[in-house]
Every structure is written in C-alpha cells, then in structure tokens.
PDB file of N, CA and C in Angstrom:
ATOM      1  N   MET A   1      89.997  48.915 143.154  1.00  0.00           N
ATOM      2  CA  MET A   1      90.143  49.842 142.057  1.00  0.00           C
ATOM      3  C   MET A   1      89.826  51.277 142.509  1.00  0.00           C
ATOM      4  N   ILE A   2      88.685  51.459 143.161  1.00  0.00           N
ATOM      5  CA  ILE A   2      88.302  52.791 143.622  1.00  0.00           C
ATOM      6  C   ILE A   2      89.272  53.276 144.702  1.00  0.00           C
ATOM      7  N   VAL A   3      89.681  52.361 145.561  1.00  0.00           N
ATOM      8  CA  VAL A   3      90.621  52.724 146.620  1.00  0.00           C
ATOM      9  C   VAL A   3      91.950  53.162 146.006  1.00  0.00           C
ATOM     10  N   THR A   4      92.396  52.501 144.981  1.00  0.00           N
ATOM     11  CA  THR A   4      93.651  52.849 144.308  1.00  0.00           C
ATOM     12  C   THR A   4      93.559  54.237 143.683  1.00  0.00           C
ATOM     13  N   VAL A   5      92.463  54.536 143.037  1.00  0.00           N
ATOM     14  CA  VAL A   5      92.269  55.851 142.415  1.00  0.00           C
ATOM     15  C   VAL A   5      92.225  56.938 143.488  1.00  0.00           C
ATOM     16  N   LEU A   6      91.523  56.691 144.583  1.00  0.00           N
ATOM     17  CA  LEU A   6      91.451  57.667 145.658  1.00  0.00           C
ATOM     18  C   LEU A   6      92.826  57.897 146.302  1.00  0.00           C
ATOM     19  N   LEU A   7      93.582  56.843 146.505  1.00  0.00           N
ATOM     20  CA  LEU A   7      94.925  56.990 147.054  1.00  0.00           C
ATOM     21  C   LEU A   7      95.840  57.761 146.095  1.00  0.00           C
ATOM     22  N   LEU A   8      95.704  57.502 144.824  1.00  0.00           N
ATOM     23  CA  LEU A   8      96.495  58.216 143.826  1.00  0.00           C
ATOM     24  C   LEU A   8      96.134  59.701 143.818  1.00  0.00           C
ATOM     25  N   LEU A   9      94.851  60.017 143.874  1.00  0.00           N
ATOM     26  CA  LEU A   9      94.424  61.416 143.929  1.00  0.00           C
ATOM     27  C   LEU A   9      94.921  62.096 145.206  1.00  0.00           C
ATOM     28  N   LEU A  10      94.874  61.386 146.310  1.00  0.00           N
ATOM     29  CA  LEU A  10      95.376  61.932 147.569  1.00  0.00           C
ATOM     30  C   LEU A  10      96.877  62.197 147.494  1.00  0.00           C
ATOM     31  N   LEU A  11      97.616  61.288 146.902  1.00  0.00           N
ATOM     32  CA  LEU A  11      99.061  61.448 146.753  1.00  0.00           C
ATOM     33  C   LEU A  11      99.397  62.627 145.847  1.00  0.00           C
ATOM     34  N   VAL A  12      98.712  62.749 144.740  1.00  0.00           N
ATOM     35  CA  VAL A  12      98.943  63.859 143.816  1.00  0.00           C
ATOM     36  C   VAL A  12      98.588  65.189 144.486  1.00  0.00           C
ATOM     37  N   SER A  13      97.490  65.221 145.220  1.00  0.00           N
ATOM     38  CA  SER A  13      97.099  66.443 145.929  1.00  0.00           C
ATOM     39  C   SER A  13      98.144  66.825 146.974  1.00  0.00           C
ATOM     40  N   ALA A  14      98.662  65.855 147.694  1.00  0.00           N
ATOM     41  CA  ALA A  14      99.678  66.133 148.713  1.00  0.00           C
ATOM     42  C   ALA A  14     100.954  66.678 148.079  1.00  0.00           C
ATOM     43  N   VAL A  15     101.353  66.126 146.948  1.00  0.00           N
ATOM     44  CA  VAL A  15     102.552  66.609 146.253  1.00  0.00           C
ATOM     45  C   VAL A  15     102.343  68.047 145.774  1.00  0.00           C
ATOM     46  N   ILE A  16     101.201  68.347 145.228  1.00  0.00           N
ATOM     47  CA  ILE A  16     100.915  69.705 144.750  1.00  0.00           C
ATOM     48  C   ILE A  16     100.924  70.699 145.908  1.00  0.00           C
ATOM     49  N   VAL A  17     100.328  70.327 147.033  1.00  0.00           N
ATOM     50  CA  VAL A  17     100.316  71.215 148.197  1.00  0.00           C
ATOM     51  C   VAL A  17     101.731  71.432 148.722  1.00  0.00           C
ATOM     52  N   MET A  18     102.549  70.392 148.753  1.00  0.00           N
ATOM     53  CA  MET A  18     103.928  70.534 149.232  1.00  0.00           C
ATOM     54  C   MET A  18     104.753  71.417 148.295  1.00  0.00           C
ATOM     55  N   ILE A  19     104.574  71.271 146.998  1.00  0.00           N
ATOM     56  CA  ILE A  19     105.287  72.126 146.039  1.00  0.00           C
ATOM     57  C   ILE A  19     104.852  73.574 146.209  1.00  0.00           C
ATOM     58  N   ALA A  20     103.563  73.799 146.335  1.00  0.00           N
ATOM     59  CA  ALA A  20     103.062  75.161 146.522  1.00  0.00           C
ATOM     60  C   ALA A  20     103.583  75.755 147.828  1.00  0.00           C
ATOM     61  N   PHE A  21     103.618  74.967 148.890  1.00  0.00           N
ATOM     62  CA  PHE A  21     104.133  75.448 150.167  1.00  0.00           C
ATOM     63  C   PHE A  21     105.605  75.809 150.042  1.00  0.00           C
ATOM     64  N   PHE A  22     106.373  74.992 149.348  1.00  0.00           N
ATOM     65  CA  PHE A  22     107.799  75.262 149.165  1.00  0.00           C
ATOM     66  C   PHE A  22     108.013  76.570 148.410  1.00  0.00           C
ATOM     67  N   PHE A  23     107.271  76.795 147.345  1.00  0.00           N
ATOM     68  CA  PHE A  23     107.448  78.008 146.546  1.00  0.00           C
ATOM     69  C   PHE A  23     106.926  79.247 147.269  1.00  0.00           C
ATOM     70  N   SER A  24     105.947  79.119 148.128  1.00  0.00           N
ATOM     71  CA  SER A  24     105.398  80.294 148.799  1.00  0.00           C
ATOM     72  C   SER A  24     106.203  80.696 150.024  1.00  0.00           C
ATOM     73  N   ARG A  25     107.121  79.867 150.504  1.00  0.00           N
ATOM     74  CA  ARG A  25     107.906  80.174 151.694  1.00  0.00           C
ATOM     75  C   ARG A  25     109.192  80.939 151.388  1.00  0.00           C
ATOM     76  N   ALA A  26     109.606  81.039 150.154  1.00  0.00           N
ATOM     77  CA  ALA A  26     110.840  81.737 149.802  1.00  0.00           C
ATOM     78  C   ALA A  26     110.646  83.244 149.957  1.00  0.00           C
ATOM     79  N   PRO A  27     111.699  83.979 150.350  1.00  0.00           N
ATOM     80  CA  PRO A  27     111.579  85.438 150.445  1.00  0.00           C
ATOM     81  C   PRO A  27     111.277  86.049 149.081  1.00  0.00           C
ATOM     82  N   ILE A  28     110.594  87.167 149.084  1.00  0.00           N
ATOM     83  CA  ILE A  28     110.190  87.812 147.840  1.00  0.00           C
ATOM     84  C   ILE A  28     111.402  88.139 146.973  1.00  0.00           C
ATOM     85  N   GLU A  29     112.508  88.568 147.602  1.00  0.00           N
ATOM     86  CA  GLU A  29     113.684  88.940 146.825  1.00  0.00           C
ATOM     87  C   GLU A  29     114.243  87.749 146.062  1.00  0.00           C
ATOM     88  N   LYS A  30     114.168  86.565 146.640  1.00  0.00           N
ATOM     89  CA  LYS A  30     114.685  85.367 145.986  1.00  0.00           C
ATOM     90  C   LYS A  30     113.701  84.821 144.955  1.00  0.00           C
ATOM     91  N   LYS A  31     112.409  85.030 145.200  1.00  0.00           N
ATOM     92  CA  LYS A  31     111.407  84.475 144.296  1.00  0.00           C
ATOM     93  C   LYS A  31     111.493  85.085 142.906  1.00  0.00           C
ATOM     94  N   TYR A  32     111.704  86.378 142.865  1.00  0.00           N
ATOM     95  CA  TYR A  32     111.547  87.082 141.604  1.00  0.00           C
ATOM     96  C   TYR A  32     112.853  87.657 141.085  1.00  0.00           C
ATOM     97  N   GLU A  33     114.009  87.058 141.437  1.00  0.00           N
ATOM     98  CA  GLU A  33     115.245  87.614 140.901  1.00  0.00           C
ATOM     99  C   GLU A  33     115.467  87.187 139.460  1.00  0.00           C
ATOM    100  N   SER A  34     114.825  86.155 138.991  1.00  0.00           N
ATOM    101  CA  SER A  34     114.908  85.792 137.576  1.00  0.00           C
ATOM    102  C   SER A  34     113.543  86.033 136.943  1.00  0.00           C
ATOM    103  N   SER A  35     113.538  86.107 135.631  1.00  0.00           N
ATOM    104  CA  SER A  35     112.272  86.363 134.949  1.00  0.00           C
ATOM    105  C   SER A  35     111.550  85.068 134.621  1.00  0.00           C
ATOM    106  N   GLY A  36     111.962  83.980 135.242  1.00  0.00           N
ATOM    107  CA  GLY A  36     111.408  82.651 135.010  1.00  0.00           C
ATOM    108  C   GLY A  36     109.901  82.599 135.117  1.00  0.00           C
ATOM    109  N   GLY A  37     109.375  81.971 136.074  1.00  0.00           N
ATOM    110  CA  GLY A  37     107.935  81.831 136.201  1.00  0.00           C
ATOM    111  C   GLY A  37     107.595  80.373 136.049  1.00  0.00           C
ATOM    112  N   GLY A  38     107.067  80.025 134.912  1.00  0.00           N
ATOM    113  CA  GLY A  38     106.762  78.637 134.654  1.00  0.00           C
ATOM    114  C   GLY A  38     105.801  78.061 135.666  1.00  0.00           C
ATOM    115  N   LEU A  39     106.042  76.825 136.069  1.00  0.00           N
ATOM    116  CA  LEU A  39     105.171  76.126 137.005  1.00  0.00           C
ATOM    117  C   LEU A  39     105.198  76.785 138.382  1.00  0.00           C
ATOM    118  N   GLY A  40     106.390  77.191 138.846  1.00  0.00           N
ATOM    119  CA  GLY A  40     106.496  77.837 140.156  1.00  0.00           C
ATOM    120  C   GLY A  40     105.756  79.161 140.196  1.00  0.00           C
ATOM    121  N   GLY A  41     105.799  79.928 139.112  1.00  0.00           N
ATOM    122  CA  GLY A  41     105.102  81.207 139.063  1.00  0.00           C
ATOM    123  C   GLY A  41     103.593  81.041 139.123  1.00  0.00           C
ATOM    124  N   ALA A  42     103.106  79.970 138.525  1.00  0.00           N
ATOM    125  CA  ALA A  42     101.660  79.710 138.560  1.00  0.00           C
ATOM    126  C   ALA A  42     101.224  79.377 139.983  1.00  0.00           C
ATOM    127  N   PHE A  43     102.006  78.559 140.685  1.00  0.00           N
ATOM    128  CA  PHE A  43     101.679  78.248 142.074  1.00  0.00           C
ATOM    129  C   PHE A  43     101.774  79.498 142.943  1.00  0.00           C
ATOM    130  N   ASP A  44     102.766  80.322 142.660  1.00  0.00           N
ATOM    131  CA  ASP A  44     102.952  81.528 143.457  1.00  0.00           C
ATOM    132  C   ASP A  44     101.787  82.492 143.263  1.00  0.00           C
ATOM    133  N   ALA A  45     101.305  82.612 142.049  1.00  0.00           N
ATOM    134  CA  ALA A  45     100.186  83.513 141.780  1.00  0.00           C
ATOM    135  C   ALA A  45      98.927  83.054 142.512  1.00  0.00           C
ATOM    136  N   VAL A  46      98.791  81.740 142.698  1.00  0.00           N
ATOM    137  CA  VAL A  46      97.609  81.203 143.376  1.00  0.00           C
ATOM    138  C   VAL A  46      97.763  81.251 144.896  1.00  0.00           C
ATOM    139  N   TRP A  47      98.919  80.811 145.413  1.00  0.00           N
ATOM    140  CA  TRP A  47      99.094  80.649 146.848  1.00  0.00           C
ATOM    141  C   TRP A  47      99.610  81.908 147.540  1.00  0.00           C
ATOM    142  N   SER A  48     100.232  82.805 146.809  1.00  0.00           N
ATOM    143  CA  SER A  48     100.760  84.018 147.421  1.00  0.00           C
ATOM    144  C   SER A  48     100.582  85.189 146.445  1.00  0.00           C
ATOM    145  N   PRO A  49      99.343  85.605 146.202  1.00  0.00           N
ATOM    146  CA  PRO A  49      99.109  86.630 145.189  1.00  0.00           C
ATOM    147  C   PRO A  49      99.738  87.976 145.524  1.00  0.00           C
ATOM    148  N   SER A  50      99.845  88.327 146.805  1.00  0.00           N
ATOM    149  CA  SER A  50     100.459  89.613 147.137  1.00  0.00           C
ATOM    150  C   SER A  50     101.940  89.619 146.789  1.00  0.00           C
ATOM    151  N   ALA A  51     102.629  88.507 146.990  1.00  0.00           N
ATOM    152  CA  ALA A  51     104.038  88.415 146.618  1.00  0.00           C
ATOM    153  C   ALA A  51     104.187  88.452 145.098  1.00  0.00           C
ATOM    154  N   HIS A  52     103.281  87.806 144.402  1.00  0.00           N
ATOM    155  CA  HIS A  52     103.314  87.810 142.941  1.00  0.00           C
ATOM    156  C   HIS A  52     103.104  89.225 142.404  1.00  0.00           C
ATOM    157  N   GLU A  53     102.136  89.940 142.957  1.00  0.00           N
ATOM    158  CA  GLU A  53     101.871  91.315 142.518  1.00  0.00           C
ATOM    159  C   GLU A  53     103.029  92.238 142.874  1.00  0.00           C
ATOM    160  N   ALA A  54     103.674  92.010 144.027  1.00  0.00           N
ATOM    161  CA  ALA A  54     104.843  92.811 144.404  1.00  0.00           C
ATOM    162  C   ALA A  54     105.985  92.587 143.425  1.00  0.00           C
ATOM    163  N   GLY A  55     106.164  91.361 142.989  1.00  0.00           N
ATOM    164  CA  GLY A  55     107.207  91.073 141.998  1.00  0.00           C
ATOM    165  C   GLY A  55     106.917  91.732 140.659  1.00  0.00           C
ATOM    166  N   ILE A  56     105.672  91.727 140.255  1.00  0.00           N
ATOM    167  CA  ILE A  56     105.298  92.379 138.998  1.00  0.00           C
ATOM    168  C   ILE A  56     105.547  93.881 139.096  1.00  0.00           C
ATOM    169  N   GLU A  57     105.173  94.490 140.225  1.00  0.00           N
ATOM    170  CA  GLU A  57     105.385  95.931 140.402  1.00  0.00           C
ATOM    171  C   GLU A  57     106.879  96.269 140.440  1.00  0.00           C
ATOM    172  N   ARG A  58     107.679  95.432 141.107  1.00  0.00           N
ATOM    173  CA  ARG A  58     109.120  95.664 141.145  1.00  0.00           C
ATOM    174  C   ARG A  58     109.720  95.590 139.738  1.00  0.00           C
ATOM    175  N   ASP A  59     109.292  94.610 138.962  1.00  0.00           N
ATOM    176  CA  ASP A  59     109.777  94.510 137.583  1.00  0.00           C
ATOM    177  C   ASP A  59     109.355  95.728 136.769  1.00  0.00           C
ATOM    178  N   ARG A  60     108.145  96.195 136.974  1.00  0.00           N
ATOM    179  CA  ARG A  60     107.644  97.361 136.250  1.00  0.00           C
ATOM    180  C   ARG A  60     108.478  98.598 136.581  1.00  0.00           C
ATOM    181  N   GLN A  61     108.800  98.782 137.857  1.00  0.00           N
ATOM    182  CA  GLN A  61     109.589  99.948 138.257  1.00  0.00           C
ATOM    183  C   GLN A  61     111.048  99.829 137.818  1.00  0.00           C
ATOM    184  N   THR A  62     111.558  98.612 137.758  1.00  0.00           N
ATOM    185  CA  THR A  62     112.939  98.404 137.314  1.00  0.00           C
ATOM    186  C   THR A  62     113.087  98.748 135.842  1.00  0.00           C
ATOM    187  N   GLN A  63     112.089  98.452 135.055  1.00  0.00           N
ATOM    188  CA  GLN A  63     112.168  98.678 133.615  1.00  0.00           C
ATOM    189  C   GLN A  63     111.796 100.099 133.214  1.00  0.00           C
ATOM    190  N   ARG A  64     111.332 100.896 134.152  1.00  0.00           N
ATOM    191  CA  ARG A  64     110.932 102.262 133.847  1.00  0.00           C
ATOM    192  C   ARG A  64     112.168 103.099 133.513  1.00  0.00           C
ATOM    193  N   THR A  65     112.075 103.945 132.518  1.00  0.00           N
ATOM    194  CA  THR A  65     113.201 104.797 132.140  1.00  0.00           C
ATOM    195  C   THR A  65     113.012 106.198 132.706  1.00  0.00           C
ATOM    196  N   ALA A  66     114.135 106.891 132.881  1.00  0.00           N
ATOM    197  CA  ALA A  66     114.084 108.262 133.378  1.00  0.00           C
ATOM    198  C   ALA A  66     113.593 109.172 132.256  1.00  0.00           C
ATOM    199  N   PRO A  67     112.845 110.206 132.582  1.00  0.00           N
ATOM    200  CA  PRO A  67     112.359 111.103 131.540  1.00  0.00           C
ATOM    201  C   PRO A  67     113.517 111.897 130.921  1.00  0.00           C
ATOM    202  N   ALA A  68     113.421 112.142 129.643  1.00  0.00           N
ATOM    203  CA  ALA A  68     114.440 112.933 128.950  1.00  0.00           C
ATOM    204  C   ALA A  68     114.273 114.410 129.314  1.00  0.00           C
ATOM    205  N   PRO A  69     115.384 115.140 129.421  1.00  0.00           N
ATOM    206  CA  PRO A  69     115.262 116.562 129.754  1.00  0.00           C
ATOM    207  C   PRO A  69     114.637 117.342 128.591  1.00  0.00           C
ATOM    208  N   ALA A  70     113.890 118.362 128.944  1.00  0.00           N
ATOM    209  CA  ALA A  70     113.284 119.231 127.935  1.00  0.00           C
ATOM    210  C   ALA A  70     114.351 120.204 127.421  1.00  0.00           C
ATOM    211  N   PRO A  71     114.142 120.772 126.232  1.00  0.00           N
ATOM    212  CA  PRO A  71     115.157 121.663 125.658  1.00  0.00           C
ATOM    213  C   PRO A  71     115.489 122.869 126.535  1.00  0.00           C
ATOM    214  N   GLY A  72     114.582 123.378 127.343  1.00  0.00           N
ATOM    215  CA  GLY A  72     114.852 124.562 128.142  1.00  0.00           C
ATOM    216  C   GLY A  72     115.342 124.262 129.556  1.00  0.00           C
ATOM    217  N   ASP A  73     115.502 122.996 129.910  1.00  0.00           N
ATOM    218  CA  ASP A  73     115.935 122.644 131.262  1.00  0.00           C
ATOM    219  C   ASP A  73     117.388 123.039 131.498  1.00  0.00           C
ATOM    220  N   PRO A  74     117.728 123.402 132.742  1.00  0.00           N
ATOM    221  CA  PRO A  74     119.129 123.720 133.038  1.00  0.00           C
ATOM    222  C   PRO A  74     119.985 122.457 132.969  1.00  0.00           C
ATOM    223  N   PRO A  75     121.276 122.622 132.726  1.00  0.00           N
ATOM    224  CA  PRO A  75     122.144 121.442 132.649  1.00  0.00           C
ATOM    225  C   PRO A  75     122.320 120.793 134.023  1.00  0.00           C
ATOM    226  N   ASP A  76     122.899 119.611 134.027  1.00  0.00           N
ATOM    227  CA  ASP A  76     123.170 118.913 135.281  1.00  0.00           C
ATOM    228  C   ASP A  76     124.163 119.717 136.105  1.00  0.00           C
ATOM    229  N   THR A  77     124.116 119.545 137.399  1.00  0.00           N
ATOM    230  CA  THR A  77     124.984 120.315 138.288  1.00  0.00           C
ATOM    231  C   THR A  77     126.042 119.415 138.912  1.00  0.00           C
ATOM    232  N   PHE A  78     127.101 120.024 139.409  1.00  0.00           N
ATOM    233  CA  PHE A  78     128.182 119.301 140.067  1.00  0.00           C
ATOM    234  C   PHE A  78     128.134 119.606 141.558  1.00  0.00           C
ATOM    235  N   ASP A  79     128.144 118.562 142.392  1.00  0.00           N
ATOM    236  CA  ASP A  79     128.187 118.708 143.851  1.00  0.00           C
ATOM    237  C   ASP A  79     129.439 118.008 144.351  1.00  0.00           C
ATOM    238  N   ASP A  80     130.425 118.772 144.785  1.00  0.00           N
ATOM    239  CA  ASP A  80     131.669 118.211 145.322  1.00  0.00           C
ATOM    240  C   ASP A  80     132.297 117.201 144.365  1.00  0.00           C
ATOM    241  N   GLY A  81     132.362 117.530 143.115  1.00  0.00           N
ATOM    242  CA  GLY A  81     132.989 116.655 142.136  1.00  0.00           C
ATOM    243  C   GLY A  81     132.096 115.545 141.617  1.00  0.00           C
ATOM    244  N   ARG A  82     130.857 115.480 142.069  1.00  0.00           N
ATOM    245  CA  ARG A  82     129.929 114.455 141.586  1.00  0.00           C
ATOM    246  C   ARG A  82     128.869 115.114 140.727  1.00  0.00           C
ATOM    247  N   ILE A  83     128.467 114.428 139.695  1.00  0.00           N
ATOM    248  CA  ILE A  83     127.432 114.951 138.813  1.00  0.00           C
ATOM    249  C   ILE A  83     126.077 114.616 139.410  1.00  0.00           C
ATOM    250  N   ARG A  84     125.216 115.613 139.555  1.00  0.00           N
ATOM    251  CA  ARG A  84     123.873 115.381 140.066  1.00  0.00           C
ATOM    252  C   ARG A  84     122.892 115.547 138.919  1.00  0.00           C
ATOM    253  N   LEU A  85     122.094 114.537 138.687  1.00  0.00           N
ATOM    254  CA  LEU A  85     121.086 114.592 137.643  1.00  0.00           C
ATOM    255  C   LEU A  85     119.755 114.995 138.279  1.00  0.00           C
ATOM    256  N   ASP A  86     119.182 116.060 137.829  1.00  0.00           N
ATOM    257  CA  ASP A  86     117.883 116.504 138.321  1.00  0.00           C
ATOM    258  C   ASP A  86     116.805 115.838 137.486  1.00  0.00           C
ATOM    259  N   VAL A  87     116.121 114.886 138.098  1.00  0.00           N
ATOM    260  CA  VAL A  87     115.090 114.136 137.369  1.00  0.00           C
ATOM    261  C   VAL A  87     113.736 114.608 137.810  1.00  0.00           C
TER     262      VAL A  87
END
C-alpha cells in the first residue's frame, strides 16, 4: 500500500516536471503569442519567471497607445511622399 502511494507520487511528480520542462523550452516569441495562459502559464511563471515577466512587459508595450497631439503642435510632415508622425 505504501509502496503504491509512493510510486504514484513519484509518477505524478515526474509528469509535472516533464510538462514544466516542455513549456519552459519554447522560445519566448512562441510562448506568448496568444493571451492564453492557463495551466502552461502557471508552470511558466514558476519555472521561467524571466520569460514570463518579458511576456507581460511585451504585452504592456503592445497595448500602449500613442499620445494625442496637443492643440499647439505642428501638423505631421511629409518625407518623400510618406507621412511622418512626430510622436
């Protein structure tokens, strides 16, 4: 009985470590291209916190909006037929 419980705990621990290893080996660009998370995100936050924080920062910068121009700012300029926005 005790041996069975210990073997079961060992098996569950091995599966968890393998899942965590699988999720932590993916490139950062592939890890965070969706807003998913779930079980994989929890493992990633534990096993690879720097990658998790990098993904959060990338999402934060992606969602940032450009500042609106003030009423006295000069209009946008044209460079060789292209509009240049001064931000």
